[in-house]
Amino acid sequence: MAIRQVITFRVQRGAAQAFIDGFGPIIDKVRGEDGCEQYELFVGHSDPDLLVMLERWRDVAAMQGALAKHYKGPDDPSVAFFRLVEGPPTRERYEV
């Protein structure tokens, strides 16, 4: 069963472009993973410090495999841009 995730990030004031620049290379890699059907980051129109990631995966196994491959934890220098996020992101998961 396909999985859809909607993840909302609130970044520090004025830090959206730095977050996008940091996340961009990872987004490009994840899009190439088997089972990834959508992996896109959107910037809020009325609030540019609010970003939403839309993900769609063939199944949970594909999603978990890709995330394990590309995210090694908060101390991984390739994800330092996550320090720009204020508070924990909200995550909603749906079966489609």
C-alpha atoms as a PDB file:
ATOM      1  CA  MET A   1       0.000   0.000   0.000  1.00  0.00           C
ATOM      2  CA  ALA A   2       1.332   3.443  -0.920  1.00  0.00           C
ATOM      3  CA  ILE A   3       2.323   5.843   1.851  1.00  0.00           C
ATOM      4  CA  ARG A   4       1.925   9.616   1.817  1.00  0.00           C
ATOM      5  CA  GLN A   5       3.745  11.800   4.324  1.00  0.00           C
ATOM      6  CA  VAL A   6       3.169  15.487   4.924  1.00  0.00           C
ATOM      7  CA  ILE A   7       5.912  17.078   7.025  1.00  0.00           C
ATOM      8  CA  THR A   8       5.730  20.711   8.081  1.00  0.00           C
ATOM      9  CA  PHE A   9       8.838  22.633   9.140  1.00  0.00           C
ATOM     10  CA  ARG A  10       8.949  26.066  10.752  1.00  0.00           C
ATOM     11  CA  VAL A  11      12.415  27.496  10.155  1.00  0.00           C
ATOM     12  CA  GLN A  12      14.119  30.414  11.847  1.00  0.00           C
ATOM     13  CA  ARG A  13      13.028  33.772  10.511  1.00  0.00           C
ATOM     14  CA  GLY A  14      14.602  34.355   7.105  1.00  0.00           C
ATOM     15  CA  ALA A  15      16.301  30.935   7.021  1.00  0.00           C
ATOM     16  CA  ALA A  16      14.102  29.267   4.395  1.00  0.00           C
ATOM     17  CA  GLN A  17      16.595  29.630   1.534  1.00  0.00           C
ATOM     18  CA  ALA A  18      19.459  28.254   3.634  1.00  0.00           C
ATOM     19  CA  PHE A  19      17.250  25.297   4.588  1.00  0.00           C
ATOM     20  CA  ILE A  20      16.288  24.707   0.952  1.00  0.00           C
ATOM     21  CA  ASP A  21      19.923  24.963  -0.183  1.00  0.00           C
ATOM     22  CA  GLY A  22      20.981  22.414   2.430  1.00  0.00           C
ATOM     23  CA  PHE A  23      18.114  20.030   1.743  1.00  0.00           C
ATOM     24  CA  GLY A  24      18.334  20.252  -2.064  1.00  0.00           C
ATOM     25  CA  PRO A  25      21.096  17.667  -2.624  1.00  0.00           C
ATOM     26  CA  ILE A  26      19.349  15.161  -0.362  1.00  0.00           C
ATOM     27  CA  ILE A  27      16.024  15.723  -2.134  1.00  0.00           C
ATOM     28  CA  ASP A  28      17.713  14.996  -5.473  1.00  0.00           C
ATOM     29  CA  LYS A  29      19.181  11.727  -4.150  1.00  0.00           C
ATOM     30  CA  VAL A  30      15.985  10.553  -2.471  1.00  0.00           C
ATOM     31  CA  ARG A  31      13.958  11.168  -5.632  1.00  0.00           C
ATOM     32  CA  GLY A  32      16.132   8.580  -7.357  1.00  0.00           C
ATOM     33  CA  GLU A  33      15.402   5.877  -4.787  1.00  0.00           C
ATOM     34  CA  ASP A  34      13.361   2.847  -5.751  1.00  0.00           C
ATOM     35  CA  GLY A  35       9.810   3.327  -4.529  1.00  0.00           C
ATOM     36  CA  CYS A  36       9.933   7.127  -4.280  1.00  0.00           C
ATOM     37  CA  GLU A  37       6.969   8.547  -6.183  1.00  0.00           C
ATOM     38  CA  GLN A  38       7.121  12.119  -4.846  1.00  0.00           C
ATOM     39  CA  TYR A  39       9.559  14.023  -2.641  1.00  0.00           C
ATOM     40  CA  GLU A  40       8.990  17.767  -2.892  1.00  0.00           C
ATOM     41  CA  LEU A  41       9.550  20.745  -0.621  1.00  0.00           C
ATOM     42  CA  PHE A  42       7.183  23.717  -0.781  1.00  0.00           C
ATOM     43  CA  VAL A  43       7.546  27.198   0.715  1.00  0.00           C
ATOM     44  CA  GLY A  44       4.518  28.871   2.265  1.00  0.00           C
ATOM     45  CA  HIS A  45       3.113  31.648   0.115  1.00  0.00           C
ATOM     46  CA  SER A  46       1.939  33.860   2.971  1.00  0.00           C
ATOM     47  CA  ASP A  47       4.594  32.631   5.433  1.00  0.00           C
ATOM     48  CA  PRO A  48       7.964  31.910   3.780  1.00  0.00           C
ATOM     49  CA  ASP A  49       9.363  30.489   7.039  1.00  0.00           C
ATOM     50  CA  LEU A  50       6.869  27.620   6.831  1.00  0.00           C
ATOM     51  CA  LEU A  51       7.927  24.749   4.579  1.00  0.00           C
ATOM     52  CA  VAL A  52       6.017  21.594   3.710  1.00  0.00           C
ATOM     53  CA  MET A  53       7.511  18.348   2.414  1.00  0.00           C
ATOM     54  CA  LEU A  54       5.173  16.113   0.434  1.00  0.00           C
ATOM     55  CA  GLU A  55       6.283  12.511   0.111  1.00  0.00           C
ATOM     56  CA  ARG A  56       4.684   9.550  -1.583  1.00  0.00           C
ATOM     57  CA  TRP A  57       6.235   6.103  -1.423  1.00  0.00           C
ATOM     58  CA  ARG A  58       5.322   2.787  -2.979  1.00  0.00           C
ATOM     59  CA  ASP A  59       5.285   1.254   0.517  1.00  0.00           C
ATOM     60  CA  VAL A  60       6.685   1.641   4.026  1.00  0.00           C
ATOM     61  CA  ALA A  61       9.736  -0.512   3.282  1.00  0.00           C
ATOM     62  CA  ALA A  62      10.809   1.766   0.405  1.00  0.00           C
ATOM     63  CA  MET A  63      10.369   4.854   2.581  1.00  0.00           C
ATOM     64  CA  GLN A  64      12.283   3.426   5.535  1.00  0.00           C
ATOM     65  CA  GLY A  65      15.100   2.146   3.313  1.00  0.00           C
ATOM     66  CA  ALA A  66      15.609   5.510   1.629  1.00  0.00           C
ATOM     67  CA  LEU A  67      15.496   7.466   4.873  1.00  0.00           C
ATOM     68  CA  ALA A  68      17.969   5.116   6.569  1.00  0.00           C
ATOM     69  CA  LYS A  69      20.315   5.528   3.616  1.00  0.00           C
ATOM     70  CA  HIS A  70      20.170   9.339   3.494  1.00  0.00           C
ATOM     71  CA  TYR A  71      19.727  10.391   7.132  1.00  0.00           C
ATOM     72  CA  LYS A  72      22.314   9.273   9.661  1.00  0.00           C
ATOM     73  CA  GLY A  73      21.116  11.380  12.592  1.00  0.00           C
ATOM     74  CA  PRO A  74      21.292  14.953  13.853  1.00  0.00           C
ATOM     75  CA  ASP A  75      25.110  14.963  14.080  1.00  0.00           C
ATOM     76  CA  ASP A  76      25.548  14.091  10.397  1.00  0.00           C
ATOM     77  CA  PRO A  77      27.115  17.208   8.789  1.00  0.00           C
ATOM     78  CA  SER A  78      25.083  16.663   5.623  1.00  0.00           C
ATOM     79  CA  VAL A  79      21.919  17.498   7.576  1.00  0.00           C
ATOM     80  CA  ALA A  80      23.230  20.500   9.543  1.00  0.00           C
ATOM     81  CA  PHE A  81      20.517  22.594   7.879  1.00  0.00           C
ATOM     82  CA  PHE A  82      17.979  20.859  10.152  1.00  0.00           C
ATOM     83  CA  ARG A  83      19.341  23.050  12.950  1.00  0.00           C
ATOM     84  CA  LEU A  84      17.491  25.909  11.247  1.00  0.00           C
ATOM     85  CA  VAL A  85      14.164  24.310  12.194  1.00  0.00           C
ATOM     86  CA  GLU A  86      12.346  25.778  15.191  1.00  0.00           C
ATOM     87  CA  GLY A  87      10.856  22.981  17.244  1.00  0.00           C
ATOM     88  CA  PRO A  88       9.979  19.534  16.010  1.00  0.00           C
ATOM     89  CA  PRO A  89       8.371  19.265  12.583  1.00  0.00           C
ATOM     90  CA  THR A  90       4.820  17.986  12.399  1.00  0.00           C
ATOM     91  CA  ARG A  91       4.466  14.695  10.556  1.00  0.00           C
ATOM     92  CA  GLU A  92       1.302  13.186   9.190  1.00  0.00           C
ATOM     93  CA  ARG A  93       1.259   9.789   7.497  1.00  0.00           C
ATOM     94  CA  TYR A  94      -1.512   8.451   5.316  1.00  0.00           C
ATOM     95  CA  GLU A  95      -2.082   5.188   3.509  1.00  0.00           C
ATOM     96  CA  VAL A  96      -3.207   5.706  -0.066  1.00  0.00           C
END
